[in-house]
Amino acid sequence: MRSREALLASQCRPRAVALPASEVAAQLSVLSDWKFERGAIARSFRFRDYYETIAFVNALAWVAHAADHHPDLAVGYDRCEVRFSTHSVGGISDNDFICAAEADAIYARRAAPPSP
């Protein structure tokens, strides 16, 4: 299991391998806002408005493109659900956790937290 800092210092690798369920569960303990569901790791992010939501989506798209590891996104006015899985291995790989940590970092850098 890698720390959040170790994940953020890592880069996605083209020849990823599927992680066993026990490793997925252990790594999710580091990224506590993420859950394993329907074959992917997923998290919902909340925002103040549409502009802030789209700014997050654009920043995440930039990171995902650079890593060549793209999430499934469901975007609404003040929310975005992000789902990572590694289709080429039919499961979850280190690349998914690296990108999930990047998504968390982008979210943490936003201008202000959303209203409750």
N, C-alpha and C. Protein backbone atom coordinates (compact mmCIF):
# COMPACT_ATOMS: atom_id res chain seq x y z
N MET A 1 0.84 -1.17 0.00
CA MET A 1 0.00 0.00 0.00
C MET A 1 0.89 1.24 0.00
N ARG A 2 0.53 2.20 -0.86
CA ARG A 2 1.33 3.42 -0.97
C ARG A 2 0.60 4.60 -0.34
N SER A 3 1.34 5.51 0.22
CA SER A 3 0.75 6.72 0.80
C SER A 3 0.24 7.63 -0.31
N ARG A 4 -0.58 8.59 0.07
CA ARG A 4 -1.08 9.59 -0.89
C ARG A 4 0.10 10.31 -1.55
N GLU A 5 1.10 10.64 -0.76
CA GLU A 5 2.28 11.34 -1.29
C GLU A 5 3.02 10.47 -2.30
N ALA A 6 3.15 9.19 -2.00
CA ALA A 6 3.82 8.27 -2.93
C ALA A 6 3.02 8.13 -4.23
N LEU A 7 1.71 8.09 -4.12
CA LEU A 7 0.88 8.02 -5.32
C LEU A 7 1.07 9.27 -6.17
N LEU A 8 1.06 10.44 -5.52
CA LEU A 8 1.22 11.70 -6.26
C LEU A 8 2.59 11.84 -6.89
N ALA A 9 3.58 11.19 -6.34
CA ALA A 9 4.94 11.23 -6.89
C ALA A 9 5.13 10.20 -8.01
N SER A 10 4.13 9.36 -8.23
CA SER A 10 4.23 8.29 -9.24
C SER A 10 3.64 8.72 -10.56
N GLN A 11 3.97 7.96 -11.59
CA GLN A 11 3.40 8.17 -12.92
C GLN A 11 2.73 6.89 -13.39
N CYS A 12 1.69 7.04 -14.18
CA CYS A 12 1.01 5.87 -14.75
C CYS A 12 1.96 5.12 -15.67
N ARG A 13 1.82 3.80 -15.66
CA ARG A 13 2.66 2.95 -16.51
C ARG A 13 1.80 2.29 -17.58
N PRO A 14 2.32 2.17 -18.79
CA PRO A 14 1.52 1.60 -19.88
C PRO A 14 1.19 0.13 -19.72
N ARG A 15 2.01 -0.64 -19.06
CA ARG A 15 1.76 -2.07 -18.92
C ARG A 15 1.32 -2.38 -17.49
N ALA A 16 0.17 -1.85 -17.12
CA ALA A 16 -0.35 -2.06 -15.78
C ALA A 16 -0.86 -3.48 -15.61
N VAL A 17 -0.93 -3.90 -14.36
CA VAL A 17 -1.50 -5.22 -14.04
C VAL A 17 -2.64 -5.01 -13.05
N ALA A 18 -3.61 -5.92 -13.10
CA ALA A 18 -4.75 -5.85 -12.19
C ALA A 18 -4.29 -6.17 -10.77
N LEU A 19 -4.79 -5.41 -9.83
CA LEU A 19 -4.47 -5.66 -8.42
C LEU A 19 -5.47 -6.65 -7.83
N PRO A 20 -5.01 -7.51 -6.93
CA PRO A 20 -5.95 -8.39 -6.25
C PRO A 20 -6.89 -7.57 -5.36
N ALA A 21 -8.06 -8.12 -5.08
CA ALA A 21 -9.07 -7.42 -4.28
C ALA A 21 -8.52 -6.95 -2.93
N SER A 22 -7.65 -7.73 -2.32
CA SER A 22 -7.09 -7.36 -1.02
C SER A 22 -6.24 -6.09 -1.13
N GLU A 23 -5.48 -5.96 -2.22
CA GLU A 23 -4.66 -4.75 -2.42
C GLU A 23 -5.52 -3.54 -2.74
N VAL A 24 -6.59 -3.75 -3.51
CA VAL A 24 -7.52 -2.66 -3.80
C VAL A 24 -8.11 -2.14 -2.49
N ALA A 25 -8.57 -3.04 -1.64
CA ALA A 25 -9.16 -2.65 -0.36
C ALA A 25 -8.15 -1.92 0.52
N ALA A 26 -6.92 -2.41 0.57
CA ALA A 26 -5.88 -1.77 1.37
C ALA A 26 -5.57 -0.37 0.85
N GLN A 27 -5.47 -0.22 -0.46
CA GLN A 27 -5.14 1.08 -1.03
C GLN A 27 -6.30 2.06 -0.85
N LEU A 28 -7.52 1.57 -0.87
CA LEU A 28 -8.68 2.45 -0.64
C LEU A 28 -8.66 3.04 0.76
N SER A 29 -8.00 2.39 1.70
CA SER A 29 -7.93 2.94 3.06
C SER A 29 -7.10 4.24 3.08
N VAL A 30 -6.22 4.41 2.10
CA VAL A 30 -5.43 5.64 1.99
C VAL A 30 -6.25 6.75 1.35
N LEU A 31 -7.08 6.39 0.39
CA LEU A 31 -7.94 7.35 -0.31
C LEU A 31 -9.37 7.12 0.17
N SER A 32 -9.63 7.53 1.40
CA SER A 32 -10.86 7.15 2.09
C SER A 32 -12.15 7.66 1.46
N ASP A 33 -12.11 8.69 0.64
CA ASP A 33 -13.32 9.19 -0.01
C ASP A 33 -13.70 8.37 -1.24
N TRP A 34 -12.84 7.47 -1.66
CA TRP A 34 -13.08 6.64 -2.83
C TRP A 34 -13.66 5.30 -2.39
N LYS A 35 -14.54 4.76 -3.21
CA LYS A 35 -15.18 3.46 -2.93
C LYS A 35 -15.03 2.56 -4.15
N PHE A 36 -14.98 1.27 -3.90
CA PHE A 36 -14.99 0.31 -5.00
C PHE A 36 -16.45 -0.04 -5.27
N GLU A 37 -16.88 0.19 -6.51
CA GLU A 37 -18.25 -0.14 -6.89
C GLU A 37 -18.33 -0.41 -8.38
N ARG A 38 -19.06 -1.45 -8.73
CA ARG A 38 -19.29 -1.83 -10.12
C ARG A 38 -18.00 -1.90 -10.93
N GLY A 39 -16.97 -2.51 -10.37
CA GLY A 39 -15.73 -2.74 -11.09
C GLY A 39 -14.80 -1.55 -11.25
N ALA A 40 -15.06 -0.47 -10.49
CA ALA A 40 -14.23 0.73 -10.59
C ALA A 40 -14.07 1.35 -9.21
N ILE A 41 -13.09 2.23 -9.08
CA ILE A 41 -13.05 3.06 -7.88
C ILE A 41 -13.73 4.37 -8.24
N ALA A 42 -14.56 4.87 -7.33
CA ALA A 42 -15.41 6.02 -7.65
C ALA A 42 -15.47 6.99 -6.48
N ARG A 43 -15.66 8.25 -6.83
CA ARG A 43 -15.87 9.31 -5.84
C ARG A 43 -16.72 10.39 -6.47
N SER A 44 -17.60 10.98 -5.67
CA SER A 44 -18.37 12.14 -6.10
C SER A 44 -17.74 13.39 -5.48
N PHE A 45 -17.58 14.41 -6.30
CA PHE A 45 -17.05 15.69 -5.87
C PHE A 45 -18.18 16.72 -5.96
N ARG A 46 -18.29 17.60 -4.97
CA ARG A 46 -19.33 18.65 -4.95
C ARG A 46 -18.68 20.02 -5.13
N PHE A 47 -19.41 20.91 -5.81
CA PHE A 47 -18.90 22.24 -6.12
C PHE A 47 -19.96 23.31 -5.86
N ARG A 48 -19.56 24.57 -5.88
CA ARG A 48 -20.49 25.67 -5.65
C ARG A 48 -21.42 25.90 -6.83
N ASP A 49 -20.90 25.72 -8.04
CA ASP A 49 -21.69 26.04 -9.22
C ASP A 49 -21.13 25.31 -10.44
N TYR A 50 -21.75 25.54 -11.57
CA TYR A 50 -21.37 24.87 -12.80
C TYR A 50 -19.96 25.25 -13.24
N TYR A 51 -19.62 26.53 -13.13
CA TYR A 51 -18.30 26.99 -13.54
C TYR A 51 -17.20 26.24 -12.77
N GLU A 52 -17.37 26.12 -11.45
CA GLU A 52 -16.37 25.43 -10.64
C GLU A 52 -16.31 23.94 -11.00
N THR A 53 -17.46 23.35 -11.29
CA THR A 53 -17.51 21.95 -11.70
C THR A 53 -16.72 21.74 -12.99
N ILE A 54 -16.97 22.58 -13.97
CA ILE A 54 -16.31 22.44 -15.27
C ILE A 54 -14.82 22.75 -15.17
N ALA A 55 -14.43 23.67 -14.30
CA ALA A 55 -13.00 23.94 -14.10
C ALA A 55 -12.31 22.68 -13.57
N PHE A 56 -12.95 21.99 -12.64
CA PHE A 56 -12.41 20.74 -12.12
C PHE A 56 -12.31 19.70 -13.23
N VAL A 57 -13.38 19.55 -14.01
CA VAL A 57 -13.39 18.57 -15.11
C VAL A 57 -12.27 18.86 -16.09
N ASN A 58 -12.08 20.12 -16.44
CA ASN A 58 -11.02 20.48 -17.38
C ASN A 58 -9.63 20.19 -16.81
N ALA A 59 -9.43 20.49 -15.53
CA ALA A 59 -8.13 20.21 -14.91
C ALA A 59 -7.88 18.71 -14.86
N LEU A 60 -8.92 17.95 -14.51
CA LEU A 60 -8.78 16.49 -14.46
C LEU A 60 -8.53 15.92 -15.86
N ALA A 61 -9.21 16.47 -16.85
CA ALA A 61 -9.01 16.01 -18.23
C ALA A 61 -7.56 16.23 -18.67
N TRP A 62 -6.98 17.34 -18.29
CA TRP A 62 -5.59 17.65 -18.64
C TRP A 62 -4.65 16.61 -18.03
N VAL A 63 -4.85 16.31 -16.74
CA VAL A 63 -4.01 15.34 -16.04
C VAL A 63 -4.20 13.94 -16.64
N ALA A 64 -5.45 13.58 -16.89
CA ALA A 64 -5.76 12.25 -17.44
C ALA A 64 -5.15 12.09 -18.83
N HIS A 65 -5.22 13.12 -19.64
CA HIS A 65 -4.64 13.05 -20.98
C HIS A 65 -3.13 12.87 -20.90
N ALA A 66 -2.48 13.63 -20.02
CA ALA A 66 -1.03 13.52 -19.87
C ALA A 66 -0.64 12.13 -19.38
N ALA A 67 -1.46 11.53 -18.54
CA ALA A 67 -1.17 10.19 -18.00
C ALA A 67 -1.64 9.09 -18.94
N ASP A 68 -2.41 9.44 -19.95
CA ASP A 68 -3.03 8.48 -20.87
C ASP A 68 -3.85 7.44 -20.08
N HIS A 69 -4.58 7.96 -19.10
CA HIS A 69 -5.43 7.11 -18.25
C HIS A 69 -6.69 7.92 -17.94
N HIS A 70 -7.77 7.57 -18.61
CA HIS A 70 -8.95 8.43 -18.64
C HIS A 70 -10.10 7.87 -17.80
N PRO A 71 -10.71 8.72 -16.97
CA PRO A 71 -11.82 8.27 -16.14
C PRO A 71 -13.15 8.35 -16.90
N ASP A 72 -14.15 7.70 -16.34
CA ASP A 72 -15.53 7.93 -16.75
C ASP A 72 -16.05 9.03 -15.84
N LEU A 73 -16.72 10.00 -16.43
CA LEU A 73 -17.23 11.15 -15.66
C LEU A 73 -18.73 11.27 -15.85
N ALA A 74 -19.42 11.62 -14.77
CA ALA A 74 -20.83 12.00 -14.82
C ALA A 74 -20.89 13.41 -14.23
N VAL A 75 -21.22 14.38 -15.06
CA VAL A 75 -21.13 15.79 -14.68
C VAL A 75 -22.52 16.40 -14.56
N GLY A 76 -22.74 17.12 -13.46
CA GLY A 76 -23.97 17.87 -13.24
C GLY A 76 -23.63 19.30 -12.89
N TYR A 77 -24.62 20.08 -12.56
CA TYR A 77 -24.43 21.50 -12.27
C TYR A 77 -23.40 21.73 -11.17
N ASP A 78 -23.51 21.01 -10.06
CA ASP A 78 -22.63 21.25 -8.92
C ASP A 78 -21.95 19.97 -8.42
N ARG A 79 -21.76 19.01 -9.32
CA ARG A 79 -21.16 17.74 -8.91
C ARG A 79 -20.50 17.06 -10.09
N CYS A 80 -19.58 16.18 -9.76
CA CYS A 80 -18.94 15.35 -10.78
C CYS A 80 -18.60 14.02 -10.13
N GLU A 81 -19.10 12.95 -10.73
CA GLU A 81 -18.71 11.62 -10.27
C GLU A 81 -17.59 11.13 -11.17
N VAL A 82 -16.51 10.68 -10.54
CA VAL A 82 -15.32 10.22 -11.25
C VAL A 82 -15.17 8.73 -10.97
N ARG A 83 -14.97 7.95 -12.03
CA ARG A 83 -14.78 6.50 -11.92
C ARG A 83 -13.53 6.09 -12.70
N PHE A 84 -12.62 5.42 -12.01
CA PHE A 84 -11.41 4.92 -12.65
C PHE A 84 -11.41 3.40 -12.62
N SER A 85 -11.03 2.81 -13.74
CA SER A 85 -10.70 1.40 -13.84
C SER A 85 -9.74 1.27 -15.01
N THR A 86 -9.05 0.16 -15.07
CA THR A 86 -8.10 -0.05 -16.16
C THR A 86 -8.70 -1.12 -17.08
N HIS A 87 -9.31 -0.64 -18.15
CA HIS A 87 -10.03 -1.54 -19.07
C HIS A 87 -9.12 -2.62 -19.65
N SER A 88 -7.87 -2.27 -19.92
CA SER A 88 -6.96 -3.23 -20.56
C SER A 88 -6.63 -4.43 -19.67
N VAL A 89 -6.81 -4.29 -18.35
CA VAL A 89 -6.55 -5.41 -17.45
C VAL A 89 -7.83 -5.97 -16.85
N GLY A 90 -8.95 -5.35 -17.17
CA GLY A 90 -10.23 -5.82 -16.66
C GLY A 90 -10.38 -5.68 -15.16
N GLY A 91 -9.79 -4.63 -14.60
CA GLY A 91 -9.89 -4.43 -13.15
C GLY A 91 -9.27 -3.12 -12.72
N ILE A 92 -8.77 -3.11 -11.50
CA ILE A 92 -8.16 -1.92 -10.92
C ILE A 92 -6.65 -2.10 -10.91
N SER A 93 -5.93 -1.07 -11.32
CA SER A 93 -4.46 -1.10 -11.32
C SER A 93 -3.93 0.06 -10.50
N ASP A 94 -2.62 0.08 -10.31
CA ASP A 94 -1.98 1.23 -9.64
C ASP A 94 -2.31 2.53 -10.35
N ASN A 95 -2.43 2.49 -11.67
CA ASN A 95 -2.74 3.71 -12.43
C ASN A 95 -4.02 4.36 -11.94
N ASP A 96 -5.01 3.55 -11.56
CA ASP A 96 -6.27 4.10 -11.08
C ASP A 96 -6.07 4.86 -9.78
N PHE A 97 -5.26 4.32 -8.90
CA PHE A 97 -5.02 5.00 -7.62
C PHE A 97 -4.15 6.24 -7.79
N ILE A 98 -3.21 6.20 -8.71
CA ILE A 98 -2.40 7.38 -8.99
C ILE A 98 -3.30 8.51 -9.48
N CYS A 99 -4.18 8.21 -10.41
CA CYS A 99 -5.07 9.24 -10.95
C CYS A 99 -6.12 9.69 -9.94
N ALA A 100 -6.58 8.78 -9.09
CA ALA A 100 -7.52 9.16 -8.04
C ALA A 100 -6.87 10.15 -7.07
N ALA A 101 -5.61 9.91 -6.72
CA ALA A 101 -4.88 10.84 -5.85
C ALA A 101 -4.72 12.19 -6.53
N GLU A 102 -4.48 12.19 -7.83
CA GLU A 102 -4.38 13.45 -8.59
C GLU A 102 -5.72 14.19 -8.57
N ALA A 103 -6.82 13.47 -8.74
CA ALA A 103 -8.15 14.09 -8.69
C ALA A 103 -8.39 14.73 -7.33
N ASP A 104 -8.02 14.04 -6.26
CA ASP A 104 -8.15 14.60 -4.92
C ASP A 104 -7.32 15.87 -4.78
N ALA A 105 -6.12 15.87 -5.32
CA ALA A 105 -5.24 17.04 -5.23
C ALA A 105 -5.83 18.22 -6.00
N ILE A 106 -6.38 17.97 -7.16
CA ILE A 106 -7.03 19.05 -7.92
C ILE A 106 -8.19 19.62 -7.12
N TYR A 107 -8.99 18.74 -6.55
CA TYR A 107 -10.15 19.18 -5.75
C TYR A 107 -9.70 20.00 -4.54
N ALA A 108 -8.63 19.60 -3.90
CA ALA A 108 -8.14 20.30 -2.72
C ALA A 108 -7.63 21.71 -3.05
N ARG A 109 -7.21 21.92 -4.30
CA ARG A 109 -6.67 23.22 -4.71
C ARG A 109 -7.75 24.18 -5.21
N ARG A 110 -9.02 23.76 -5.26
CA ARG A 110 -10.05 24.66 -5.78
C ARG A 110 -10.15 25.90 -4.92
N ALA A 111 -10.76 26.94 -5.46
CA ALA A 111 -10.79 28.25 -4.82
C ALA A 111 -11.44 28.24 -3.44
N ALA A 112 -12.57 27.58 -3.28
CA ALA A 112 -13.27 27.57 -1.99
C ALA A 112 -14.13 26.33 -1.91
N PRO A 113 -14.35 25.84 -0.71
CA PRO A 113 -15.20 24.65 -0.58
C PRO A 113 -16.66 24.98 -0.92
N PRO A 114 -17.41 23.97 -1.35
CA PRO A 114 -18.82 24.21 -1.68
C PRO A 114 -19.64 24.44 -0.41
N SER A 115 -20.74 25.12 -0.58
CA SER A 115 -21.66 25.30 0.55
C SER A 115 -22.34 23.98 0.88
N PRO A 116 -22.65 23.75 2.15
CA PRO A 116 -23.31 22.47 2.50
C PRO A 116 -24.68 22.32 1.92
